[in-house]
Amino acid sequence: MAFTPGSKRGQMAEINMTPLIDVMLVLLIIFMVAAPMLTTGVDVNLPESRTGKNLTSEALVVTLARDGRIEFEKRFIQEGVLRTELRQRFAAQNRRPVMVRADGSIPYSRVIAVVDAIREAGFTQVGFVTQATTAPAGAEPPPPDGAPAP
């Protein structure tokens, strides 16, 4: 409360909103900067594709990390547990597609083993997540790692 000079009442019954607004704006900025940092996932180096489509938001996503671990529902699980959890999901939501995010350095046989586990659970719509290529449409694809360039 503040005193107003020359007033007969002596006290002013108004709240100064400026400091409150300043604090709220600072908090808003802090949360806007911090929120994207809270949504972290597994870092996967996706292969490139010129014909890929956008990932649908209703798809289940299975991620194969660079070290070979499987992530499903934001936690790492074994292949047998993945099969069990996908069977439970299939019973409730059999029309949802399953998208596989696999690091480019994962052996092809490991990716196929995970796809087999997904199909054994009953899902028939299995897709692969890639990133858009930066090369023009008619350009020659880069050689695989370790292969000599032509």
Protein backbone atom coordinates (compact mmCIF):
# COMPACT_ATOMS: atom_id res chain seq x y z
CA MET A 1 0.00 0.00 0.00
CA ALA A 2 1.15 3.48 -0.73
CA PHE A 3 0.41 6.84 0.72
CA THR A 4 -0.92 9.54 -1.55
CA PRO A 5 0.44 12.96 -0.63
CA GLY A 6 -2.28 15.47 0.15
CA SER A 7 -4.98 12.82 0.52
CA LYS A 8 -7.37 12.85 3.43
CA ARG A 9 -7.79 9.08 3.39
CA GLY A 10 -4.08 8.41 3.86
CA GLN A 11 -3.77 5.09 2.02
CA MET A 12 -4.23 4.14 -1.62
CA ALA A 13 -6.07 0.86 -2.25
CA GLU A 14 -4.67 0.12 -5.71
CA ILE A 15 -2.34 -2.75 -6.62
CA ASN A 16 0.59 -1.97 -8.86
CA MET A 17 0.34 -4.61 -11.64
CA THR A 18 3.58 -3.74 -13.45
CA PRO A 19 5.93 -5.95 -11.34
CA LEU A 20 3.46 -8.85 -11.54
CA ILE A 21 3.26 -8.58 -15.33
CA ASP A 22 7.06 -8.39 -15.58
CA VAL A 23 7.49 -11.55 -13.54
CA MET A 24 4.84 -13.41 -15.56
CA LEU A 25 6.49 -12.45 -18.87
CA VAL A 26 9.89 -13.62 -17.63
CA LEU A 27 8.37 -16.95 -16.53
CA LEU A 28 6.63 -17.32 -19.89
CA ILE A 29 9.91 -16.81 -21.75
CA ILE A 30 11.70 -19.32 -19.50
CA PHE A 31 9.05 -21.97 -20.15
CA MET A 32 9.01 -21.28 -23.89
CA VAL A 33 12.77 -21.84 -24.02
CA ALA A 34 12.80 -24.87 -21.71
CA ALA A 35 9.79 -26.77 -23.14
CA PRO A 36 11.48 -28.00 -26.36
CA MET A 37 14.39 -29.32 -24.31
CA LEU A 38 12.05 -31.50 -22.27
CA THR A 39 10.83 -33.47 -25.28
CA THR A 40 13.86 -35.63 -25.94
CA GLY A 41 13.94 -38.91 -27.76
CA VAL A 42 16.42 -41.40 -29.10
CA ASP A 43 18.89 -39.85 -31.54
CA VAL A 44 18.53 -41.83 -34.77
CA ASN A 45 20.40 -41.13 -37.99
CA LEU A 46 17.59 -41.86 -40.47
CA PRO A 47 18.35 -42.93 -44.04
CA GLU A 48 17.32 -40.55 -46.82
CA SER A 49 14.48 -41.10 -49.30
CA ARG A 50 13.18 -39.08 -52.23
CA THR A 51 9.73 -40.72 -52.26
CA GLY A 52 8.93 -40.76 -48.52
CA LYS A 53 5.64 -39.46 -47.13
CA ASN A 54 4.82 -37.68 -43.88
CA LEU A 55 4.49 -39.75 -40.70
CA THR A 56 0.87 -40.07 -39.63
CA SER A 57 0.22 -39.10 -36.03
CA GLU A 58 -1.92 -42.18 -35.34
CA ALA A 59 0.83 -44.68 -36.13
CA LEU A 60 2.66 -46.68 -33.48
CA VAL A 61 6.39 -45.99 -33.65
CA VAL A 62 9.13 -48.56 -32.97
CA THR A 63 12.67 -47.14 -32.89
CA LEU A 64 15.91 -49.05 -33.39
CA ALA A 65 18.69 -47.00 -31.80
CA ARG A 66 22.26 -46.94 -33.08
CA ASP A 67 23.35 -49.41 -30.37
CA GLY A 68 20.65 -51.92 -31.40
CA ARG A 69 18.21 -51.28 -28.54
CA ILE A 70 14.47 -51.15 -29.27
CA GLU A 71 12.39 -48.20 -28.04
CA PHE A 72 8.59 -48.42 -27.85
CA GLU A 73 6.30 -46.09 -25.89
CA LYS A 74 9.29 -43.98 -24.73
CA ARG A 75 11.06 -46.90 -23.02
CA PHE A 76 13.60 -49.47 -24.09
CA ILE A 77 12.37 -53.07 -24.28
CA GLN A 78 13.51 -56.49 -25.50
CA GLU A 79 12.25 -57.99 -28.77
CA GLY A 80 10.05 -60.57 -26.98
CA VAL A 81 8.44 -57.86 -24.84
CA LEU A 82 7.84 -55.80 -27.98
CA ARG A 83 6.01 -58.71 -29.57
CA THR A 84 3.83 -59.16 -26.44
CA GLU A 85 2.97 -55.46 -26.15
CA LEU A 86 2.15 -55.21 -29.85
CA ARG A 87 -0.17 -58.24 -29.58
CA GLN A 88 -2.05 -56.44 -26.81
CA ARG A 89 -2.26 -53.31 -28.96
CA PHE A 90 -3.42 -55.32 -31.98
CA ALA A 91 -6.33 -56.75 -30.01
CA ALA A 92 -7.54 -53.22 -29.24
CA GLN A 93 -6.42 -51.22 -32.30
CA ASN A 94 -5.71 -53.50 -35.24
CA ARG A 95 -6.10 -50.80 -37.91
CA ARG A 96 -3.23 -48.61 -36.75
CA PRO A 97 -0.06 -48.71 -38.85
CA VAL A 98 3.33 -49.32 -37.25
CA MET A 99 6.24 -47.13 -38.33
CA VAL A 100 9.84 -48.32 -37.86
CA ARG A 101 12.55 -45.71 -37.20
CA ALA A 102 15.92 -47.40 -37.66
CA ASP A 103 19.35 -45.83 -37.59
CA GLY A 104 21.14 -46.11 -40.96
CA SER A 105 24.02 -48.03 -39.37
CA ILE A 106 21.81 -50.84 -37.99
CA PRO A 107 22.37 -54.16 -39.83
CA TYR A 108 19.56 -55.02 -42.23
CA SER A 109 19.02 -58.40 -40.52
CA ARG A 110 18.29 -56.62 -37.20
CA VAL A 111 15.69 -54.38 -38.86
CA ILE A 112 14.03 -57.40 -40.50
CA ALA A 113 13.94 -59.23 -37.14
CA VAL A 114 12.02 -56.31 -35.61
CA VAL A 115 9.67 -56.11 -38.61
CA ASP A 116 9.02 -59.85 -38.26
CA ALA A 117 8.16 -59.32 -34.57
CA ILE A 118 5.70 -56.58 -35.57
CA ARG A 119 4.07 -58.76 -38.22
CA GLU A 120 3.91 -61.76 -35.85
CA ALA A 121 1.92 -59.53 -33.48
CA GLY A 122 -0.70 -59.20 -36.25
CA PHE A 123 0.03 -55.81 -37.79
CA THR A 124 0.10 -55.80 -41.59
CA GLN A 125 0.69 -52.08 -42.20
CA VAL A 126 4.40 -51.61 -41.47
CA GLY A 127 6.26 -48.60 -42.81
CA PHE A 128 9.71 -47.08 -42.47
CA VAL A 129 10.52 -43.54 -41.36
CA THR A 130 13.14 -41.74 -43.46
CA GLN A 131 14.26 -38.17 -43.81
CA ALA A 132 13.88 -36.17 -46.99
CA THR A 133 16.92 -36.22 -49.22
CA THR A 134 18.72 -33.01 -50.13
CA ALA A 135 19.89 -34.32 -53.51
CA PRO A 136 17.97 -33.38 -56.68
CA ALA A 137 15.58 -35.95 -58.13
CA GLY A 138 17.85 -37.14 -60.96
CA ALA A 139 21.09 -37.20 -58.95
CA GLU A 140 23.11 -40.35 -58.34
CA PRO A 141 22.72 -41.63 -54.74
CA PRO A 142 25.86 -41.44 -52.59
CA PRO A 143 27.85 -44.68 -52.18
CA PRO A 144 27.36 -46.58 -48.93
CA ASP A 145 29.90 -46.08 -46.16
CA GLY A 146 33.18 -47.79 -46.96
CA ALA A 147 32.38 -48.27 -50.67
CA PRO A 148 34.66 -46.64 -53.23
CA ALA A 149 33.19 -43.70 -55.13
CA PRO A 150 32.77 -44.22 -58.90
